[in-house]
Amino acid sequence: MLLFDRMPAAETPWTRELWVYDLRTNMHFTLKQNRDDSLENTDNLPPPEVIAQEIVEDLEAALAEFAAIARSLEDRPQAES
């Protein structure tokens, strides 16, 4: 689950960094736990070709979503300055 706070517009950004989490790694991003020990043993991971294919599929899906967003933005009327 992802939770976002809607912040009012400001001249300066509310954040300075973008953090990206790959939540498929069994890591828990809480203050109570740092790292899943099961990832220490690479025998628990899928083969590299499976990981690579999953990355390709995820990137293709993300690209398709961004393309759809771009098309929807092109269809919107332009705001007057």
PDB file of N, CA and C in Angstrom:
ATOM      1  N   MET A   1       0.842  -1.148   0.000  1.00  0.00           N
ATOM      2  CA  MET A   1       0.000   0.000   0.000  1.00  0.00           C
ATOM      3  C   MET A   1       0.899   1.225   0.000  1.00  0.00           C
ATOM      4  N   LEU A   2       0.562   2.179  -0.825  1.00  0.00           N
ATOM      5  CA  LEU A   2       1.277   3.449  -0.862  1.00  0.00           C
ATOM      6  C   LEU A   2       0.377   4.530  -0.308  1.00  0.00           C
ATOM      7  N   LEU A   3       0.920   5.366   0.554  1.00  0.00           N
ATOM      8  CA  LEU A   3       0.176   6.479   1.119  1.00  0.00           C
ATOM      9  C   LEU A   3       0.888   7.771   0.751  1.00  0.00           C
ATOM     10  N   PHE A   4       0.131   8.740   0.268  1.00  0.00           N
ATOM     11  CA  PHE A   4       0.684  10.027  -0.122  1.00  0.00           C
ATOM     12  C   PHE A   4      -0.051  11.125   0.624  1.00  0.00           C
ATOM     13  N   ASP A   5       0.672  12.183   0.954  1.00  0.00           N
ATOM     14  CA  ASP A   5       0.063  13.376   1.544  1.00  0.00           C
ATOM     15  C   ASP A   5      -0.055  14.421   0.453  1.00  0.00           C
ATOM     16  N   ARG A   6      -1.227  15.027   0.355  1.00  0.00           N
ATOM     17  CA  ARG A   6      -1.392  16.120  -0.594  1.00  0.00           C
ATOM     18  C   ARG A   6      -0.941  17.393   0.102  1.00  0.00           C
ATOM     19  N   MET A   7       0.037  18.031  -0.495  1.00  0.00           N
ATOM     20  CA  MET A   7       0.601  19.233   0.095  1.00  0.00           C
ATOM     21  C   MET A   7       0.206  20.428  -0.763  1.00  0.00           C
ATOM     22  N   PRO A   8       0.005  21.584  -0.155  1.00  0.00           N
ATOM     23  CA  PRO A   8      -0.330  22.772  -0.946  1.00  0.00           C
ATOM     24  C   PRO A   8       0.855  23.182  -1.826  1.00  0.00           C
ATOM     25  N   ALA A   9       0.549  23.848  -2.910  1.00  0.00           N
ATOM     26  CA  ALA A   9       1.593  24.307  -3.827  1.00  0.00           C
ATOM     27  C   ALA A   9       2.518  25.279  -3.114  1.00  0.00           C
ATOM     28  N   ALA A  10       3.794  25.216  -3.488  1.00  0.00           N
ATOM     29  CA  ALA A  10       4.779  26.101  -2.877  1.00  0.00           C
ATOM     30  C   ALA A  10       5.826  26.475  -3.922  1.00  0.00           C
ATOM     31  N   GLU A  11       6.495  27.613  -3.689  1.00  0.00           N
ATOM     32  CA  GLU A  11       7.543  28.028  -4.617  1.00  0.00           C
ATOM     33  C   GLU A  11       8.714  27.062  -4.602  1.00  0.00           C
ATOM     34  N   THR A  12       9.034  26.546  -3.439  1.00  0.00           N
ATOM     35  CA  THR A  12      10.119  25.571  -3.332  1.00  0.00           C
ATOM     36  C   THR A  12       9.519  24.186  -3.138  1.00  0.00           C
ATOM     37  N   PRO A  13      10.174  23.155  -3.653  1.00  0.00           N
ATOM     38  CA  PRO A  13       9.635  21.801  -3.525  1.00  0.00           C
ATOM     39  C   PRO A  13       9.556  21.367  -2.070  1.00  0.00           C
ATOM     40  N   TRP A  14       8.570  20.524  -1.785  1.00  0.00           N
ATOM     41  CA  TRP A  14       8.430  19.979  -0.435  1.00  0.00           C
ATOM     42  C   TRP A  14       9.514  18.956  -0.144  1.00  0.00           C
ATOM     43  N   THR A  15      10.000  18.295  -1.175  1.00  0.00           N
ATOM     44  CA  THR A  15      11.045  17.298  -0.987  1.00  0.00           C
ATOM     45  C   THR A  15      12.230  17.638  -1.877  1.00  0.00           C
ATOM     46  N   ARG A  16      13.392  17.163  -1.481  1.00  0.00           N
ATOM     47  CA  ARG A  16      14.606  17.387  -2.258  1.00  0.00           C
ATOM     48  C   ARG A  16      15.073  16.116  -2.951  1.00  0.00           C
ATOM     49  N   GLU A  17      14.565  14.963  -2.513  1.00  0.00           N
ATOM     50  CA  GLU A  17      15.011  13.692  -3.054  1.00  0.00           C
ATOM     51  C   GLU A  17      13.809  12.849  -3.472  1.00  0.00           C
ATOM     52  N   LEU A  18      14.028  12.021  -4.462  1.00  0.00           N
ATOM     53  CA  LEU A  18      13.028  11.051  -4.882  1.00  0.00           C
ATOM     54  C   LEU A  18      13.506   9.687  -4.432  1.00  0.00           C
ATOM     55  N   TRP A  19      12.717   9.005  -3.648  1.00  0.00           N
ATOM     56  CA  TRP A  19      13.061   7.666  -3.182  1.00  0.00           C
ATOM     57  C   TRP A  19      12.205   6.672  -3.930  1.00  0.00           C
ATOM     58  N   VAL A  20      12.829   5.656  -4.494  1.00  0.00           N
ATOM     59  CA  VAL A  20      12.118   4.618  -5.219  1.00  0.00           C
ATOM     60  C   VAL A  20      12.350   3.309  -4.486  1.00  0.00           C
ATOM     61  N   TYR A  21      11.274   2.630  -4.159  1.00  0.00           N
ATOM     62  CA  TYR A  21      11.359   1.360  -3.455  1.00  0.00           C
ATOM     63  C   TYR A  21      10.858   0.254  -4.363  1.00  0.00           C
ATOM     64  N   ASP A  22      11.622  -0.813  -4.491  1.00  0.00           N
ATOM     65  CA  ASP A  22      11.171  -2.010  -5.187  1.00  0.00           C
ATOM     66  C   ASP A  22      10.614  -2.932  -4.116  1.00  0.00           C
ATOM     67  N   LEU A  23       9.300  -2.953  -3.994  1.00  0.00           N
ATOM     68  CA  LEU A  23       8.669  -3.679  -2.895  1.00  0.00           C
ATOM     69  C   LEU A  23       8.540  -5.178  -3.175  1.00  0.00           C
ATOM     70  N   ARG A  24       9.118  -5.637  -4.273  1.00  0.00           N
ATOM     71  CA  ARG A  24       9.101  -7.066  -4.548  1.00  0.00           C
ATOM     72  C   ARG A  24      10.250  -7.782  -3.854  1.00  0.00           C
ATOM     73  N   THR A  25      11.069  -7.091  -3.103  1.00  0.00           N
ATOM     74  CA  THR A  25      12.265  -7.673  -2.512  1.00  0.00           C
ATOM     75  C   THR A  25      12.041  -8.217  -1.109  1.00  0.00           C
ATOM     76  N   ASN A  26      10.815  -8.253  -0.634  1.00  0.00           N
ATOM     77  CA  ASN A  26      10.484  -8.730   0.715  1.00  0.00           C
ATOM     78  C   ASN A  26      11.065  -7.842   1.806  1.00  0.00           C
ATOM     79  N   MET A  27      11.476  -6.632   1.450  1.00  0.00           N
ATOM     80  CA  MET A  27      11.969  -5.701   2.457  1.00  0.00           C
ATOM     81  C   MET A  27      10.787  -4.979   3.075  1.00  0.00           C
ATOM     82  N   HIS A  28      10.890  -4.702   4.354  1.00  0.00           N
ATOM     83  CA  HIS A  28       9.853  -3.953   5.058  1.00  0.00           C
ATOM     84  C   HIS A  28      10.406  -2.568   5.338  1.00  0.00           C
ATOM     85  N   PHE A  29       9.712  -1.557   4.874  1.00  0.00           N
ATOM     86  CA  PHE A  29      10.177  -0.190   5.027  1.00  0.00           C
ATOM     87  C   PHE A  29       9.469   0.452   6.217  1.00  0.00           C
ATOM     88  N   THR A  30       9.874   0.036   7.395  1.00  0.00           N
ATOM     89  CA  THR A  30       9.340   0.613   8.623  1.00  0.00           C
ATOM     90  C   THR A  30      10.519   0.961   9.522  1.00  0.00           C
ATOM     91  N   LEU A  31      10.237   1.683  10.567  1.00  0.00           N
ATOM     92  CA  LEU A  31      11.297   2.027  11.507  1.00  0.00           C
ATOM     93  C   LEU A  31      11.713   0.840  12.357  1.00  0.00           C
ATOM     94  N   LYS A  32      10.887  -0.192  12.416  1.00  0.00           N
ATOM     95  CA  LYS A  32      11.158  -1.332  13.281  1.00  0.00           C
ATOM     96  C   LYS A  32      12.123  -2.334  12.663  1.00  0.00           C
ATOM     97  N   GLN A  33      12.268  -2.318  11.365  1.00  0.00           N
ATOM     98  CA  GLN A  33      13.047  -3.366  10.720  1.00  0.00           C
ATOM     99  C   GLN A  33      13.883  -2.770   9.597  1.00  0.00           C
ATOM    100  N   ASN A  34      15.153  -3.147   9.493  1.00  0.00           N
ATOM    101  CA  ASN A  34      16.026  -2.583   8.469  1.00  0.00           C
ATOM    102  C   ASN A  34      16.069  -3.401   7.190  1.00  0.00           C
ATOM    103  N   ARG A  35      16.375  -4.687   7.302  1.00  0.00           N
ATOM    104  CA  ARG A  35      16.572  -5.464   6.069  1.00  0.00           C
ATOM    105  C   ARG A  35      16.131  -6.903   6.289  1.00  0.00           C
ATOM    106  N   ASP A  36      15.533  -7.507   5.259  1.00  0.00           N
ATOM    107  CA  ASP A  36      15.097  -8.891   5.315  1.00  0.00           C
ATOM    108  C   ASP A  36      16.320  -9.791   5.146  1.00  0.00           C
ATOM    109  N   ASP A  37      16.615 -10.602   6.162  1.00  0.00           N
ATOM    110  CA  ASP A  37      17.804 -11.462   6.113  1.00  0.00           C
ATOM    111  C   ASP A  37      17.729 -12.510   5.010  1.00  0.00           C
ATOM    112  N   SER A  38      16.531 -12.831   4.525  1.00  0.00           N
ATOM    113  CA  SER A  38      16.412 -13.846   3.475  1.00  0.00           C
ATOM    114  C   SER A  38      17.086 -13.394   2.187  1.00  0.00           C
ATOM    115  N   LEU A  39      17.316 -12.085   2.021  1.00  0.00           N
ATOM    116  CA  LEU A  39      17.963 -11.596   0.813  1.00  0.00           C
ATOM    117  C   LEU A  39      19.484 -11.719   0.877  1.00  0.00           C
ATOM    118  N   GLU A  40      20.018 -12.029   2.047  1.00  0.00           N
ATOM    119  CA  GLU A  40      21.457 -12.208   2.177  1.00  0.00           C
ATOM    120  C   GLU A  40      21.925 -13.415   1.373  1.00  0.00           C
ATOM    121  N   ASN A  41      21.097 -14.432   1.279  1.00  0.00           N
ATOM    122  CA  ASN A  41      21.437 -15.649   0.556  1.00  0.00           C
ATOM    123  C   ASN A  41      20.870 -15.535  -0.852  1.00  0.00           C
ATOM    124  N   THR A  42      21.744 -15.391  -1.839  1.00  0.00           N
ATOM    125  CA  THR A  42      21.271 -15.213  -3.210  1.00  0.00           C
ATOM    126  C   THR A  42      20.617 -16.460  -3.778  1.00  0.00           C
ATOM    127  N   ASP A  43      20.746 -17.581  -3.089  1.00  0.00           N
ATOM    128  CA  ASP A  43      20.055 -18.796  -3.539  1.00  0.00           C
ATOM    129  C   ASP A  43      18.542 -18.640  -3.452  1.00  0.00           C
ATOM    130  N   ASN A  44      18.068 -17.682  -2.645  1.00  0.00           N
ATOM    131  CA  ASN A  44      16.635 -17.445  -2.496  1.00  0.00           C
ATOM    132  C   ASN A  44      16.059 -16.624  -3.641  1.00  0.00           C
ATOM    133  N   LEU A  45      16.920 -16.020  -4.441  1.00  0.00           N
ATOM    134  CA  LEU A  45      16.459 -15.146  -5.523  1.00  0.00           C
ATOM    135  C   LEU A  45      16.172 -15.951  -6.787  1.00  0.00           C
ATOM    136  N   PRO A  46      15.274 -15.439  -7.636  1.00  0.00           N
ATOM    137  CA  PRO A  46      15.041 -16.099  -8.919  1.00  0.00           C
ATOM    138  C   PRO A  46      16.292 -16.004  -9.787  1.00  0.00           C
ATOM    139  N   PRO A  47      16.375 -16.839 -10.823  1.00  0.00           N
ATOM    140  CA  PRO A  47      17.526 -16.753 -11.728  1.00  0.00           C
ATOM    141  C   PRO A  47      17.592 -15.380 -12.396  1.00  0.00           C
ATOM    142  N   PRO A  48      18.801 -14.946 -12.780  1.00  0.00           N
ATOM    143  CA  PRO A  48      18.959 -13.620 -13.387  1.00  0.00           C
ATOM    144  C   PRO A  48      18.072 -13.395 -14.602  1.00  0.00           C
ATOM    145  N   GLU A  49      17.876 -14.410 -15.432  1.00  0.00           N
ATOM    146  CA  GLU A  49      17.040 -14.226 -16.623  1.00  0.00           C
ATOM    147  C   GLU A  49      15.587 -13.955 -16.252  1.00  0.00           C
ATOM    148  N   VAL A  50      15.124 -14.521 -15.143  1.00  0.00           N
ATOM    149  CA  VAL A  50      13.753 -14.264 -14.679  1.00  0.00           C
ATOM    150  C   VAL A  50      13.653 -12.835 -14.149  1.00  0.00           C
ATOM    151  N   ILE A  51      14.645 -12.430 -13.369  1.00  0.00           N
ATOM    152  CA  ILE A  51      14.658 -11.062 -12.854  1.00  0.00           C
ATOM    153  C   ILE A  51      14.704 -10.064 -14.008  1.00  0.00           C
ATOM    154  N   ALA A  52      15.570 -10.319 -14.997  1.00  0.00           N
ATOM    155  CA  ALA A  52      15.680  -9.421 -16.141  1.00  0.00           C
ATOM    156  C   ALA A  52      14.366  -9.333 -16.902  1.00  0.00           C
ATOM    157  N   GLN A  53      13.692 -10.462 -17.112  1.00  0.00           N
ATOM    158  CA  GLN A  53      12.420 -10.448 -17.831  1.00  0.00           C
ATOM    159  C   GLN A  53      11.351  -9.692 -17.049  1.00  0.00           C
ATOM    160  N   GLU A  54      11.340  -9.844 -15.734  1.00  0.00           N
ATOM    161  CA  GLU A  54      10.383  -9.108 -14.904  1.00  0.00           C
ATOM    162  C   GLU A  54      10.637  -7.602 -14.991  1.00  0.00           C
ATOM    163  N   ILE A  55      11.911  -7.215 -15.016  1.00  0.00           N
ATOM    164  CA  ILE A  55      12.243  -5.796 -15.146  1.00  0.00           C
ATOM    165  C   ILE A  55      11.759  -5.264 -16.483  1.00  0.00           C
ATOM    166  N   VAL A  56      11.997  -6.019 -17.554  1.00  0.00           N
ATOM    167  CA  VAL A  56      11.544  -5.610 -18.885  1.00  0.00           C
ATOM    168  C   VAL A  56      10.026  -5.447 -18.898  1.00  0.00           C
ATOM    169  N   GLU A  57       9.306  -6.412 -18.332  1.00  0.00           N
ATOM    170  CA  GLU A  57       7.839  -6.345 -18.313  1.00  0.00           C
ATOM    171  C   GLU A  57       7.363  -5.147 -17.507  1.00  0.00           C
ATOM    172  N   ASP A  58       8.002  -4.887 -16.367  1.00  0.00           N
ATOM    173  CA  ASP A  58       7.613  -3.738 -15.545  1.00  0.00           C
ATOM    174  C   ASP A  58       7.860  -2.423 -16.273  1.00  0.00           C
ATOM    175  N   LEU A  59       9.023  -2.322 -16.940  1.00  0.00           N
ATOM    176  CA  LEU A  59       9.334  -1.096 -17.674  1.00  0.00           C
ATOM    177  C   LEU A  59       8.398  -0.895 -18.857  1.00  0.00           C
ATOM    178  N   GLU A  60       8.063  -1.972 -19.560  1.00  0.00           N
ATOM    179  CA  GLU A  60       7.129  -1.856 -20.683  1.00  0.00           C
ATOM    180  C   GLU A  60       5.749  -1.421 -20.198  1.00  0.00           C
ATOM    181  N   ALA A  61       5.311  -1.976 -19.067  1.00  0.00           N
ATOM    182  CA  ALA A  61       4.017  -1.591 -18.511  1.00  0.00           C
ATOM    183  C   ALA A  61       4.029  -0.130 -18.081  1.00  0.00           C
ATOM    184  N   ALA A  62       5.123   0.299 -17.446  1.00  0.00           N
ATOM    185  CA  ALA A  62       5.234   1.698 -17.024  1.00  0.00           C
ATOM    186  C   ALA A  62       5.244   2.626 -18.230  1.00  0.00           C
ATOM    187  N   LEU A  63       5.971   2.242 -19.287  1.00  0.00           N
ATOM    188  CA  LEU A  63       6.019   3.059 -20.495  1.00  0.00           C
ATOM    189  C   LEU A  63       4.632   3.175 -21.123  1.00  0.00           C
ATOM    190  N   ALA A  64       3.890   2.083 -21.151  1.00  0.00           N
ATOM    191  CA  ALA A  64       2.530   2.118 -21.705  1.00  0.00           C
ATOM    192  C   ALA A  64       1.643   3.051 -20.877  1.00  0.00           C
ATOM    193  N   GLU A  65       1.793   3.014 -19.564  1.00  0.00           N
ATOM    194  CA  GLU A  65       1.000   3.897 -18.713  1.00  0.00           C
ATOM    195  C   GLU A  65       1.363   5.359 -18.942  1.00  0.00           C
ATOM    196  N   PHE A  66       2.653   5.659 -19.043  1.00  0.00           N
ATOM    197  CA  PHE A  66       3.073   7.037 -19.305  1.00  0.00           C
ATOM    198  C   PHE A  66       2.612   7.500 -20.684  1.00  0.00           C
ATOM    199  N   ALA A  67       2.635   6.603 -21.668  1.00  0.00           N
ATOM    200  CA  ALA A  67       2.158   6.966 -23.006  1.00  0.00           C
ATOM    201  C   ALA A  67       0.673   7.296 -22.957  1.00  0.00           C
ATOM    202  N   ALA A  68      -0.099   6.533 -22.202  1.00  0.00           N
ATOM    203  CA  ALA A  68      -1.528   6.813 -22.069  1.00  0.00           C
ATOM    204  C   ALA A  68      -1.758   8.156 -21.387  1.00  0.00           C
ATOM    205  N   ILE A  69      -0.963   8.454 -20.380  1.00  0.00           N
ATOM    206  CA  ILE A  69      -1.085   9.746 -19.695  1.00  0.00           C
ATOM    207  C   ILE A  69      -0.747  10.877 -20.656  1.00  0.00           C
ATOM    208  N   ALA A  70       0.332  10.701 -21.427  1.00  0.00           N
ATOM    209  CA  ALA A  70       0.730  11.736 -22.384  1.00  0.00           C
ATOM    210  C   ALA A  70      -0.373  11.967 -23.417  1.00  0.00           C
ATOM    211  N   ARG A  71      -0.987  10.884 -23.895  1.00  0.00           N
ATOM    212  CA  ARG A  71      -2.089  11.034 -24.870  1.00  0.00           C
ATOM    213  C   ARG A  71      -3.269  11.772 -24.245  1.00  0.00           C
ATOM    214  N   SER A  72      -3.584  11.456 -22.996  1.00  0.00           N
ATOM    215  CA  SER A  72      -4.709  12.136 -22.354  1.00  0.00           C
ATOM    216  C   SER A  72      -4.408  13.608 -22.135  1.00  0.00           C
ATOM    217  N   LEU A  73      -3.142  13.938 -21.874  1.00  0.00           N
ATOM    218  CA  LEU A  73      -2.774  15.343 -21.705  1.00  0.00           C
ATOM    219  C   LEU A  73      -2.840  16.098 -23.025  1.00  0.00           C
ATOM    220  N   GLU A  74      -2.510  15.435 -24.118  1.00  0.00           N
ATOM    221  CA  GLU A  74      -2.603  16.068 -25.431  1.00  0.00           C
ATOM    222  C   GLU A  74      -4.047  16.375 -25.798  1.00  0.00           C
ATOM    223  N   ASP A  75      -4.974  15.553 -25.310  1.00  0.00           N
ATOM    224  CA  ASP A  75      -6.390  15.725 -25.633  1.00  0.00           C
ATOM    225  C   ASP A  75      -7.059  16.814 -24.802  1.00  0.00           C
ATOM    226  N   ARG A  76      -6.385  17.258 -23.728  1.00  0.00           N
ATOM    227  CA  ARG A  76      -6.971  18.298 -22.868  1.00  0.00           C
ATOM    228  C   ARG A  76      -6.852  19.647 -23.530  1.00  0.00           C
ATOM    229  N   PRO A  77      -7.846  20.499 -23.303  1.00  0.00           N
ATOM    230  CA  PRO A  77      -7.730  21.875 -23.802  1.00  0.00           C
ATOM    231  C   PRO A  77      -6.581  22.576 -23.084  1.00  0.00           C
ATOM    232  N   GLN A  78      -5.875  23.415 -23.814  1.00  0.00           N
ATOM    233  CA  GLN A  78      -4.747  24.154 -23.238  1.00  0.00           C
ATOM    234  C   GLN A  78      -5.258  25.267 -22.345  1.00  0.00           C
ATOM    235  N   ALA A  79      -4.622  25.466 -21.216  1.00  0.00           N
ATOM    236  CA  ALA A  79      -4.999  26.561 -20.311  1.00  0.00           C
ATOM    237  C   ALA A  79      -4.487  27.872 -20.899  1.00  0.00           C
ATOM    238  N   GLU A  80      -5.292  28.905 -20.749  1.00  0.00           N
ATOM    239  CA  GLU A  80      -4.883  30.217 -21.249  1.00  0.00           C
ATOM    240  C   GLU A  80      -3.929  30.871 -20.263  1.00  0.00           C
ATOM    241  N   SER A  81      -2.918  31.570 -20.796  1.00  0.00           N
ATOM    242  CA  SER A  81      -1.927  32.237 -19.918  1.00  0.00           C
ATOM    243  C   SER A  81      -2.436  33.566 -19.443  1.00  0.00           C
TER     244      SER A  81
END
